[in-house]
Amino acid sequence: MIRYKQGRKPHLSLFVENDTIIKSRLGWELSPAKLVNWIKASYQAEVHEIYWYLSSPNQEWEETLKSELAEYKLFIKIRCLSNRAKELYPGEYYNKSPEVPMAIDMFLTAEDYDYGFLVTESESLERAVELLRSKQVRIFVIGTANYVPRELRNAADTFIEIQNLKKHLTTTPITRPQKNTGLQRAKLSG
């Protein structure tokens, strides 16, 4: 039975394909903590688990995720593209894409959450989304309409255009000191 029907806040799980939210794709840098906090506030839900799928080992990004999302149950899963993995780790096998591990994680934990938030552009997850919805899990797909296939958007309960959330999700800009102008130098020196 779904938790929120028992008088409790709904529980959510978040599944993020990191390549969907990289700066080069979005044009701006997303804060993982702000994404989670926006979802929690907007849907009045408690976080059950977060699954973050990285395309290659990245110690700096892993540390960012761990520090920003320290209060949550976080699973960081690394998937190397096969051609890059052969260079980095000869003789080892890596998944080429996150769809299979993502679908497995969604199904193995489906009894534990009411809302599933997917940040992905994979059309391969369309059937998984349909099956999760048949288990009474509400599915939200977050991404850019230009990249998320129509079939996946239609299979979900709700599609959320990530570009519309930019003001809520961007990292805090670094404040840079202003350059000294001639007038400012004159004041400083004299």
N, C-alpha and C. Protein backbone atom coordinates (compact mmCIF):
# COMPACT_ATOMS: atom_id res chain seq x y z
N MET A 1 0.84 -1.19 0.00
CA MET A 1 0.00 0.00 0.00
C MET A 1 0.88 1.25 0.00
N ILE A 2 0.44 2.26 -0.66
CA ILE A 2 1.21 3.50 -0.77
C ILE A 2 1.18 4.24 0.55
N ARG A 3 2.35 4.72 0.98
CA ARG A 3 2.50 5.36 2.28
C ARG A 3 1.59 6.56 2.49
N TYR A 4 1.53 7.46 1.51
CA TYR A 4 0.80 8.70 1.76
C TYR A 4 -0.69 8.45 1.92
N LYS A 5 -1.18 7.32 1.46
CA LYS A 5 -2.59 6.98 1.67
C LYS A 5 -2.82 6.53 3.11
N GLN A 6 -1.74 6.26 3.83
CA GLN A 6 -1.83 5.86 5.23
C GLN A 6 -1.65 7.08 6.14
N GLY A 7 -1.77 8.28 5.61
CA GLY A 7 -1.67 9.48 6.42
C GLY A 7 -0.26 10.00 6.61
N ARG A 8 0.70 9.47 5.87
CA ARG A 8 2.08 9.93 5.97
C ARG A 8 2.48 10.65 4.69
N LYS A 9 3.53 11.43 4.79
CA LYS A 9 4.05 12.08 3.59
C LYS A 9 4.50 11.02 2.60
N PRO A 10 4.31 11.28 1.31
CA PRO A 10 4.81 10.32 0.32
C PRO A 10 6.34 10.25 0.35
N HIS A 11 6.86 9.10 0.00
CA HIS A 11 8.31 8.91 -0.09
C HIS A 11 8.70 8.95 -1.57
N LEU A 12 9.88 9.49 -1.83
CA LEU A 12 10.35 9.58 -3.20
C LEU A 12 11.73 8.96 -3.34
N SER A 13 11.99 8.46 -4.52
CA SER A 13 13.33 8.05 -4.90
C SER A 13 13.70 8.82 -6.16
N LEU A 14 14.96 9.19 -6.23
CA LEU A 14 15.47 9.98 -7.34
C LEU A 14 16.53 9.16 -8.07
N PHE A 15 16.40 9.09 -9.40
CA PHE A 15 17.33 8.34 -10.24
C PHE A 15 17.89 9.32 -11.26
N VAL A 16 19.19 9.62 -11.19
CA VAL A 16 19.78 10.66 -12.03
C VAL A 16 20.86 10.09 -12.93
N GLU A 17 20.67 10.25 -14.22
CA GLU A 17 21.72 9.95 -15.19
C GLU A 17 22.52 11.24 -15.33
N ASN A 18 23.72 11.24 -14.79
CA ASN A 18 24.52 12.47 -14.69
C ASN A 18 24.72 13.17 -16.03
N ASP A 19 24.86 12.42 -17.12
CA ASP A 19 25.11 13.05 -18.42
C ASP A 19 23.95 13.93 -18.86
N THR A 20 22.76 13.72 -18.31
CA THR A 20 21.60 14.53 -18.65
C THR A 20 21.72 15.94 -18.09
N ILE A 21 22.43 16.10 -16.99
CA ILE A 21 22.46 17.40 -16.32
C ILE A 21 23.82 18.08 -16.34
N ILE A 22 24.72 17.61 -17.19
CA ILE A 22 26.04 18.24 -17.22
C ILE A 22 25.94 19.66 -17.78
N LYS A 23 26.87 20.48 -17.35
CA LYS A 23 26.86 21.90 -17.69
C LYS A 23 26.85 22.13 -19.20
N SER A 24 27.62 21.32 -19.93
CA SER A 24 27.69 21.52 -21.38
C SER A 24 26.35 21.28 -22.05
N ARG A 25 25.50 20.44 -21.47
CA ARG A 25 24.18 20.15 -22.03
C ARG A 25 23.18 21.23 -21.63
N LEU A 26 23.18 21.61 -20.34
CA LEU A 26 22.21 22.57 -19.83
C LEU A 26 22.58 24.02 -20.13
N GLY A 27 23.89 24.30 -20.15
CA GLY A 27 24.34 25.68 -20.31
C GLY A 27 24.50 26.37 -18.96
N TRP A 28 24.27 25.64 -17.88
CA TRP A 28 24.43 26.17 -16.52
C TRP A 28 24.73 25.01 -15.58
N GLU A 29 25.25 25.31 -14.41
CA GLU A 29 25.66 24.26 -13.49
C GLU A 29 24.58 24.01 -12.44
N LEU A 30 24.16 22.76 -12.34
CA LEU A 30 23.10 22.35 -11.44
C LEU A 30 23.66 21.95 -10.08
N SER A 31 22.97 22.34 -9.02
CA SER A 31 23.33 21.92 -7.67
C SER A 31 22.51 20.69 -7.30
N PRO A 32 23.16 19.56 -7.01
CA PRO A 32 22.40 18.36 -6.63
C PRO A 32 21.50 18.59 -5.42
N ALA A 33 22.00 19.30 -4.42
CA ALA A 33 21.20 19.54 -3.21
C ALA A 33 19.98 20.39 -3.53
N LYS A 34 20.13 21.38 -4.39
CA LYS A 34 18.99 22.23 -4.75
C LYS A 34 17.95 21.44 -5.53
N LEU A 35 18.40 20.49 -6.36
CA LEU A 35 17.46 19.64 -7.09
C LEU A 35 16.62 18.83 -6.10
N VAL A 36 17.27 18.19 -5.14
CA VAL A 36 16.57 17.37 -4.16
C VAL A 36 15.63 18.23 -3.31
N ASN A 37 16.12 19.37 -2.86
CA ASN A 37 15.29 20.24 -2.02
C ASN A 37 14.10 20.80 -2.79
N TRP A 38 14.27 21.11 -4.07
CA TRP A 38 13.15 21.60 -4.88
C TRP A 38 12.07 20.52 -5.00
N ILE A 39 12.50 19.29 -5.27
CA ILE A 39 11.55 18.19 -5.40
C ILE A 39 10.80 17.98 -4.08
N LYS A 40 11.55 17.93 -2.97
CA LYS A 40 10.92 17.73 -1.66
C LYS A 40 9.88 18.81 -1.37
N ALA A 41 10.24 20.06 -1.60
CA ALA A 41 9.34 21.17 -1.30
C ALA A 41 8.14 21.20 -2.24
N SER A 42 8.38 20.97 -3.52
CA SER A 42 7.31 21.06 -4.51
C SER A 42 6.29 19.94 -4.38
N TYR A 43 6.72 18.77 -3.93
CA TYR A 43 5.82 17.62 -3.88
C TYR A 43 5.55 17.15 -2.45
N GLN A 44 6.00 17.94 -1.46
CA GLN A 44 5.74 17.62 -0.05
C GLN A 44 6.03 16.15 0.25
N ALA A 45 7.24 15.73 -0.08
CA ALA A 45 7.61 14.33 0.05
C ALA A 45 8.93 14.18 0.81
N GLU A 46 9.13 13.01 1.37
CA GLU A 46 10.37 12.66 2.05
C GLU A 46 11.24 11.85 1.11
N VAL A 47 12.55 12.05 1.18
CA VAL A 47 13.47 11.32 0.31
C VAL A 47 13.72 9.93 0.89
N HIS A 48 13.51 8.91 0.07
CA HIS A 48 13.83 7.54 0.47
C HIS A 48 15.27 7.22 0.08
N GLU A 49 15.57 7.31 -1.22
CA GLU A 49 16.92 7.01 -1.71
C GLU A 49 17.21 7.85 -2.95
N ILE A 50 18.51 8.05 -3.17
CA ILE A 50 18.97 8.76 -4.37
C ILE A 50 19.99 7.87 -5.07
N TYR A 51 19.78 7.66 -6.35
CA TYR A 51 20.71 6.90 -7.18
C TYR A 51 21.28 7.85 -8.22
N TRP A 52 22.61 7.98 -8.25
CA TRP A 52 23.27 8.89 -9.18
C TRP A 52 24.21 8.08 -10.04
N TYR A 53 23.98 8.10 -11.36
CA TYR A 53 24.74 7.28 -12.30
C TYR A 53 25.75 8.16 -13.03
N LEU A 54 27.05 7.91 -12.80
CA LEU A 54 28.12 8.68 -13.42
C LEU A 54 28.65 7.93 -14.63
N SER A 55 29.09 8.68 -15.65
CA SER A 55 29.57 8.06 -16.88
C SER A 55 31.03 7.63 -16.79
N SER A 56 31.75 8.13 -15.81
CA SER A 56 33.13 7.73 -15.62
C SER A 56 33.55 8.10 -14.20
N PRO A 57 34.58 7.47 -13.69
CA PRO A 57 35.05 7.82 -12.34
C PRO A 57 35.44 9.29 -12.30
N ASN A 58 34.94 10.02 -11.32
CA ASN A 58 35.23 11.44 -11.17
C ASN A 58 35.22 11.73 -9.67
N GLN A 59 36.39 11.67 -9.07
CA GLN A 59 36.52 11.81 -7.62
C GLN A 59 35.96 13.15 -7.14
N GLU A 60 36.23 14.22 -7.86
CA GLU A 60 35.76 15.55 -7.45
C GLU A 60 34.23 15.61 -7.43
N TRP A 61 33.58 15.10 -8.47
CA TRP A 61 32.13 15.13 -8.54
C TRP A 61 31.52 14.20 -7.50
N GLU A 62 32.16 13.04 -7.27
CA GLU A 62 31.66 12.12 -6.25
C GLU A 62 31.70 12.78 -4.87
N GLU A 63 32.77 13.51 -4.59
CA GLU A 63 32.89 14.21 -3.30
C GLU A 63 31.84 15.31 -3.19
N THR A 64 31.56 16.01 -4.29
CA THR A 64 30.51 17.04 -4.30
C THR A 64 29.17 16.40 -3.97
N LEU A 65 28.85 15.29 -4.62
CA LEU A 65 27.59 14.60 -4.36
C LEU A 65 27.50 14.15 -2.90
N LYS A 66 28.56 13.56 -2.41
CA LYS A 66 28.57 13.05 -1.04
C LYS A 66 28.40 14.18 -0.03
N SER A 67 29.03 15.32 -0.27
CA SER A 67 28.91 16.42 0.69
C SER A 67 27.56 17.12 0.59
N GLU A 68 27.05 17.36 -0.62
CA GLU A 68 25.78 18.05 -0.78
C GLU A 68 24.60 17.18 -0.37
N LEU A 69 24.73 15.88 -0.52
CA LEU A 69 23.60 14.97 -0.26
C LEU A 69 23.88 14.05 0.93
N ALA A 70 24.73 14.50 1.85
CA ALA A 70 25.16 13.68 2.98
C ALA A 70 24.01 13.21 3.87
N GLU A 71 22.95 13.97 3.96
CA GLU A 71 21.85 13.60 4.85
C GLU A 71 20.93 12.53 4.27
N TYR A 72 21.15 12.17 3.01
CA TYR A 72 20.27 11.21 2.34
C TYR A 72 20.98 9.88 2.10
N LYS A 73 20.18 8.85 1.88
CA LYS A 73 20.73 7.54 1.49
C LYS A 73 21.09 7.66 0.00
N LEU A 74 22.37 7.71 -0.28
CA LEU A 74 22.86 8.00 -1.63
C LEU A 74 23.66 6.82 -2.17
N PHE A 75 23.34 6.43 -3.40
CA PHE A 75 24.10 5.40 -4.10
C PHE A 75 24.69 6.04 -5.35
N ILE A 76 26.01 6.03 -5.46
CA ILE A 76 26.67 6.55 -6.65
C ILE A 76 27.12 5.34 -7.46
N LYS A 77 26.62 5.27 -8.68
CA LYS A 77 26.96 4.14 -9.55
C LYS A 77 27.71 4.68 -10.76
N ILE A 78 28.84 4.07 -11.04
CA ILE A 78 29.69 4.54 -12.14
C ILE A 78 29.55 3.60 -13.32
N ARG A 79 29.32 4.17 -14.48
CA ARG A 79 29.26 3.39 -15.72
C ARG A 79 30.20 4.06 -16.71
N CYS A 80 31.20 3.36 -17.14
CA CYS A 80 32.13 3.89 -18.12
C CYS A 80 31.64 3.54 -19.52
N LEU A 81 31.74 4.48 -20.43
CA LEU A 81 31.47 4.14 -21.82
C LEU A 81 32.50 3.10 -22.22
N SER A 82 32.10 2.11 -22.98
CA SER A 82 32.96 0.96 -23.22
C SER A 82 34.30 1.32 -23.84
N ASN A 83 34.34 2.27 -24.78
CA ASN A 83 35.62 2.59 -25.39
C ASN A 83 36.56 3.29 -24.40
N ARG A 84 36.03 4.12 -23.51
CA ARG A 84 36.84 4.79 -22.50
C ARG A 84 37.27 3.79 -21.43
N ALA A 85 36.41 2.88 -21.08
CA ALA A 85 36.73 1.88 -20.06
C ALA A 85 37.88 0.99 -20.50
N LYS A 86 37.93 0.66 -21.78
CA LYS A 86 39.01 -0.19 -22.28
C LYS A 86 40.36 0.49 -22.06
N GLU A 87 40.39 1.83 -22.24
CA GLU A 87 41.64 2.57 -22.01
C GLU A 87 41.98 2.63 -20.52
N LEU A 88 40.98 2.93 -19.69
CA LEU A 88 41.22 3.12 -18.26
C LEU A 88 41.42 1.82 -17.50
N TYR A 89 40.62 0.81 -17.85
CA TYR A 89 40.61 -0.43 -17.09
C TYR A 89 40.63 -1.63 -18.03
N PRO A 90 41.78 -1.94 -18.62
CA PRO A 90 41.83 -3.07 -19.55
C PRO A 90 41.41 -4.37 -18.87
N GLY A 91 40.63 -5.16 -19.58
CA GLY A 91 40.21 -6.44 -19.06
C GLY A 91 38.98 -6.41 -18.17
N GLU A 92 38.46 -5.21 -17.85
CA GLU A 92 37.27 -5.12 -17.01
C GLU A 92 36.07 -4.75 -17.87
N TYR A 93 34.88 -5.16 -17.42
CA TYR A 93 33.66 -4.88 -18.17
C TYR A 93 32.87 -3.76 -17.50
N TYR A 94 32.36 -2.84 -18.28
CA TYR A 94 31.51 -1.77 -17.77
C TYR A 94 30.28 -1.65 -18.64
N ASN A 95 29.17 -1.28 -18.02
CA ASN A 95 27.95 -1.05 -18.78
C ASN A 95 28.14 0.14 -19.69
N LYS A 96 27.58 0.06 -20.87
CA LYS A 96 27.70 1.15 -21.82
C LYS A 96 26.73 2.28 -21.48
N SER A 97 25.61 1.95 -20.87
CA SER A 97 24.63 2.96 -20.53
C SER A 97 23.96 2.59 -19.21
N PRO A 98 23.29 3.54 -18.58
CA PRO A 98 22.74 3.27 -17.25
C PRO A 98 21.33 2.67 -17.24
N GLU A 99 20.73 2.47 -18.40
CA GLU A 99 19.32 2.07 -18.43
C GLU A 99 19.04 0.78 -17.66
N VAL A 100 19.85 -0.24 -17.86
CA VAL A 100 19.59 -1.52 -17.21
C VAL A 100 19.77 -1.40 -15.70
N PRO A 101 20.91 -0.87 -15.21
CA PRO A 101 21.02 -0.74 -13.74
C PRO A 101 19.95 0.19 -13.17
N MET A 102 19.58 1.24 -13.91
CA MET A 102 18.56 2.17 -13.43
C MET A 102 17.21 1.46 -13.31
N ALA A 103 16.83 0.71 -14.33
CA ALA A 103 15.56 -0.01 -14.30
C ALA A 103 15.54 -1.04 -13.17
N ILE A 104 16.65 -1.74 -12.98
CA ILE A 104 16.74 -2.74 -11.90
C ILE A 104 16.58 -2.05 -10.55
N ASP A 105 17.29 -0.95 -10.34
CA ASP A 105 17.19 -0.22 -9.07
C ASP A 105 15.76 0.29 -8.84
N MET A 106 15.12 0.78 -9.90
CA MET A 106 13.75 1.28 -9.76
C MET A 106 12.80 0.17 -9.34
N PHE A 107 12.95 -1.02 -9.94
CA PHE A 107 12.05 -2.13 -9.63
C PHE A 107 12.35 -2.77 -8.28
N LEU A 108 13.62 -2.90 -7.93
CA LEU A 108 13.97 -3.54 -6.66
C LEU A 108 13.49 -2.73 -5.46
N THR A 109 13.35 -1.42 -5.63
CA THR A 109 12.95 -0.56 -4.51
C THR A 109 11.55 0.01 -4.66
N ALA A 110 10.81 -0.40 -5.67
CA ALA A 110 9.50 0.19 -5.97
C ALA A 110 8.52 0.14 -4.81
N GLU A 111 8.62 -0.85 -3.96
CA GLU A 111 7.70 -0.96 -2.82
C GLU A 111 8.00 0.08 -1.75
N ASP A 112 9.17 0.73 -1.84
CA ASP A 112 9.60 1.66 -0.80
C ASP A 112 9.32 3.13 -1.10
N TYR A 113 8.85 3.44 -2.29
CA TYR A 113 8.60 4.84 -2.61
C TYR A 113 7.29 5.00 -3.38
N ASP A 114 6.74 6.22 -3.25
CA ASP A 114 5.47 6.54 -3.90
C ASP A 114 5.70 7.34 -5.18
N TYR A 115 6.74 8.16 -5.16
CA TYR A 115 7.07 9.01 -6.32
C TYR A 115 8.46 8.62 -6.81
N GLY A 116 8.58 8.40 -8.09
CA GLY A 116 9.88 8.16 -8.70
C GLY A 116 10.22 9.32 -9.61
N PHE A 117 11.35 9.95 -9.36
CA PHE A 117 11.82 11.06 -10.19
C PHE A 117 13.00 10.56 -11.00
N LEU A 118 12.90 10.65 -12.32
CA LEU A 118 13.95 10.19 -13.21
C LEU A 118 14.51 11.39 -13.96
N VAL A 119 15.81 11.57 -13.87
CA VAL A 119 16.49 12.59 -14.66
C VAL A 119 17.26 11.81 -15.71
N THR A 120 16.66 11.70 -16.89
CA THR A 120 17.23 10.86 -17.94
C THR A 120 16.71 11.30 -19.30
N GLU A 121 17.38 10.84 -20.33
CA GLU A 121 16.94 11.09 -21.71
C GLU A 121 16.77 9.77 -22.45
N SER A 122 16.68 8.69 -21.73
CA SER A 122 16.68 7.37 -22.34
C SER A 122 15.28 6.92 -22.74
N GLU A 123 15.09 6.70 -24.02
CA GLU A 123 13.80 6.17 -24.48
C GLU A 123 13.66 4.70 -24.08
N SER A 124 14.76 4.06 -23.73
CA SER A 124 14.71 2.65 -23.33
C SER A 124 13.95 2.44 -22.03
N LEU A 125 13.74 3.48 -21.25
CA LEU A 125 13.06 3.35 -19.97
C LEU A 125 11.55 3.51 -20.07
N GLU A 126 11.04 3.71 -21.28
CA GLU A 126 9.61 3.92 -21.46
C GLU A 126 8.78 2.78 -20.87
N ARG A 127 9.11 1.54 -21.18
CA ARG A 127 8.35 0.40 -20.69
C ARG A 127 8.48 0.26 -19.18
N ALA A 128 9.67 0.51 -18.64
CA ALA A 128 9.87 0.45 -17.19
C ALA A 128 8.99 1.47 -16.48
N VAL A 129 8.88 2.66 -17.06
CA VAL A 129 8.02 3.71 -16.49
C VAL A 129 6.56 3.25 -16.49
N GLU A 130 6.13 2.67 -17.60
CA GLU A 130 4.74 2.19 -17.68
C GLU A 130 4.47 1.12 -16.62
N LEU A 131 5.42 0.20 -16.43
CA LEU A 131 5.23 -0.87 -15.45
C LEU A 131 5.22 -0.32 -14.02
N LEU A 132 6.07 0.64 -13.73
CA LEU A 132 6.08 1.25 -12.40
C LEU A 132 4.76 1.97 -12.12
N ARG A 133 4.23 2.63 -13.13
CA ARG A 133 2.94 3.30 -12.96
C ARG A 133 1.84 2.29 -12.67
N SER A 134 1.93 1.09 -13.26
CA SER A 134 0.93 0.05 -12.99
C SER A 134 1.02 -0.45 -11.55
N LYS A 135 2.16 -0.20 -10.87
CA LYS A 135 2.34 -0.56 -9.47
C LYS A 135 1.94 0.60 -8.55
N GLN A 136 1.24 1.59 -9.11
CA GLN A 136 0.76 2.76 -8.37
C GLN A 136 1.89 3.70 -7.92
N VAL A 137 3.02 3.69 -8.65
CA VAL A 137 4.10 4.64 -8.38
C VAL A 137 3.93 5.79 -9.36
N ARG A 138 3.90 7.02 -8.85
CA ARG A 138 3.83 8.18 -9.73
C ARG A 138 5.24 8.47 -10.26
N ILE A 139 5.35 8.62 -11.56
CA ILE A 139 6.66 8.81 -12.19
C ILE A 139 6.75 10.21 -12.80
N PHE A 140 7.83 10.89 -12.45
CA PHE A 140 8.13 12.22 -12.96
C PHE A 140 9.44 12.12 -13.74
N VAL A 141 9.43 12.59 -14.96
CA VAL A 141 10.66 12.63 -15.76
C VAL A 141 11.10 14.08 -15.83
N ILE A 142 12.37 14.32 -15.50
CA ILE A 142 12.94 15.66 -15.52
C ILE A 142 14.00 15.68 -16.60
N GLY A 143 13.94 16.68 -17.47
CA GLY A 143 14.94 16.81 -18.52
C GLY A 143 14.61 17.96 -19.44
N THR A 144 15.30 17.99 -20.55
CA THR A 144 15.11 19.02 -21.56
C THR A 144 14.27 18.43 -22.69
N ALA A 145 13.18 19.09 -23.02
CA ALA A 145 12.24 18.56 -24.01
C ALA A 145 12.92 18.21 -25.33
N ASN A 146 13.95 18.95 -25.70
CA ASN A 146 14.66 18.69 -26.96
C ASN A 146 15.38 17.35 -26.94
N TYR A 147 15.71 16.84 -25.76
CA TYR A 147 16.49 15.61 -25.65
C TYR A 147 15.70 14.42 -25.12
N VAL A 148 14.68 14.65 -24.32
CA VAL A 148 13.89 13.55 -23.78
C VAL A 148 12.88 13.11 -24.83
N PRO A 149 12.90 11.85 -25.23
CA PRO A 149 11.98 11.38 -26.27
C PRO A 149 10.51 11.56 -25.86
N ARG A 150 9.71 11.87 -26.83
CA ARG A 150 8.28 12.09 -26.60
C ARG A 150 7.64 10.86 -25.94
N GLU A 151 8.06 9.66 -26.35
CA GLU A 151 7.51 8.43 -25.80
C GLU A 151 7.74 8.34 -24.29
N LEU A 152 8.92 8.73 -23.84
CA LEU A 152 9.23 8.71 -22.41
C LEU A 152 8.43 9.78 -21.67
N ARG A 153 8.35 10.97 -22.25
CA ARG A 153 7.55 12.05 -21.63
C ARG A 153 6.09 11.61 -21.49
N ASN A 154 5.56 10.95 -22.53
CA ASN A 154 4.16 10.51 -22.50
C ASN A 154 3.92 9.36 -21.54
N ALA A 155 4.92 8.50 -21.33
CA ALA A 155 4.76 7.36 -20.43
C ALA A 155 4.72 7.80 -18.97
N ALA A 156 5.37 8.92 -18.66
CA ALA A 156 5.43 9.40 -17.28
C ALA A 156 4.11 10.07 -16.88
N ASP A 157 3.89 10.16 -15.58
CA ASP A 157 2.74 10.92 -15.09
C ASP A 157 2.94 12.41 -15.38
N THR A 158 4.18 12.87 -15.19
CA THR A 158 4.49 14.29 -15.36
C THR A 158 5.87 14.44 -15.97
N PHE A 159 5.99 15.35 -16.93
CA PHE A 159 7.30 15.72 -17.47
C PHE A 159 7.61 17.12 -16.95
N ILE A 160 8.82 17.29 -16.41
CA ILE A 160 9.25 18.58 -15.87
C ILE A 160 10.41 19.08 -16.71
N GLU A 161 10.22 20.23 -17.33
CA GLU A 161 11.26 20.85 -18.15
C GLU A 161 12.30 21.47 -17.21
N ILE A 162 13.50 20.93 -17.25
CA ILE A 162 14.54 21.36 -16.32
C ILE A 162 14.98 22.82 -16.56
N GLN A 163 14.89 23.27 -17.79
CA GLN A 163 15.28 24.66 -18.08
C GLN A 163 14.38 25.65 -17.35
N ASN A 164 13.13 25.26 -17.08
CA ASN A 164 12.21 26.13 -16.34
C ASN A 164 12.57 26.24 -14.86
N LEU A 165 13.44 25.36 -14.40
CA LEU A 165 13.84 25.33 -13.00
C LEU A 165 15.19 25.98 -12.74
N LYS A 166 15.77 26.55 -13.76
CA LYS A 166 17.13 27.08 -13.66
C LYS A 166 17.33 27.97 -12.45
N LYS A 167 16.40 28.90 -12.19
CA LYS A 167 16.57 29.83 -11.07
C LYS A 167 16.55 29.11 -9.72
N HIS A 168 15.93 27.94 -9.66
CA HIS A 168 15.85 27.18 -8.41
C HIS A 168 17.03 26.23 -8.22
N LEU A 169 17.69 25.83 -9.32
CA LEU A 169 18.65 24.74 -9.25
C LEU A 169 20.10 25.12 -9.51
N THR A 170 20.37 26.34 -9.94
CA THR A 170 21.76 26.69 -10.26
C THR A 170 22.59 26.79 -9.00
N THR A 171 23.87 26.50 -9.18
CA THR A 171 24.79 26.65 -8.07
C THR A 171 24.97 28.14 -7.80
N THR A 172 25.38 28.47 -6.60
CA THR A 172 25.59 29.87 -6.24
C THR A 172 26.75 30.40 -7.06
N PRO A 173 26.53 31.51 -7.79
CA PRO A 173 27.62 32.03 -8.61
C PRO A 173 28.76 32.54 -7.73
N ILE A 174 29.97 32.37 -8.24
CA ILE A 174 31.15 32.86 -7.53
C ILE A 174 31.24 34.36 -7.75
N THR A 175 31.39 35.11 -6.65
CA THR A 175 31.52 36.55 -6.75
C THR A 175 32.97 36.88 -7.03
N ARG A 176 33.19 37.53 -8.13
CA ARG A 176 34.55 37.91 -8.50
C ARG A 176 34.76 39.39 -8.19
N PRO A 177 35.94 39.75 -7.69
CA PRO A 177 36.19 41.16 -7.43
C PRO A 177 36.15 41.95 -8.73
N GLN A 178 35.66 43.17 -8.63
CA GLN A 178 35.61 44.01 -9.82
C GLN A 178 37.02 44.46 -10.17
N LYS A 179 37.22 44.64 -11.46
CA LYS A 179 38.52 45.14 -11.92
C LYS A 179 38.65 46.60 -11.51
N ASN A 180 39.87 46.97 -11.18
CA ASN A 180 40.11 48.37 -10.84
C ASN A 180 40.06 49.22 -12.10
N THR A 181 39.32 50.28 -12.02
CA THR A 181 39.32 51.23 -13.13
C THR A 181 40.35 52.30 -12.81
N GLY A 182 40.63 53.15 -13.74
CA GLY A 182 41.59 54.23 -13.53
C GLY A 182 41.18 55.11 -12.36
N LEU A 183 39.90 55.40 -12.22
CA LEU A 183 39.38 56.24 -11.15
C LEU A 183 39.62 55.56 -9.80
N GLN A 184 39.39 54.29 -9.71
CA GLN A 184 39.60 53.58 -8.47
C GLN A 184 41.09 53.55 -8.12
N ARG A 185 41.95 53.39 -9.10
CA ARG A 185 43.39 53.39 -8.83
C ARG A 185 43.85 54.73 -8.32
N ALA A 186 43.30 55.76 -8.87
CA ALA A 186 43.69 57.10 -8.42
C ALA A 186 43.29 57.28 -6.96
N LYS A 187 42.13 56.81 -6.57
CA LYS A 187 41.69 56.93 -5.18
C LYS A 187 42.58 56.09 -4.26
N LEU A 188 42.98 54.91 -4.73
CA LEU A 188 43.80 54.04 -3.92
C LEU A 188 45.21 54.60 -3.72
N SER A 189 45.74 55.21 -4.75
CA SER A 189 47.12 55.67 -4.66
C SER A 189 47.23 57.07 -4.09
N GLY A 190 46.23 57.82 -4.09
CA GLY A 190 46.44 59.20 -3.68
C GLY A 190 45.48 59.73 -2.76
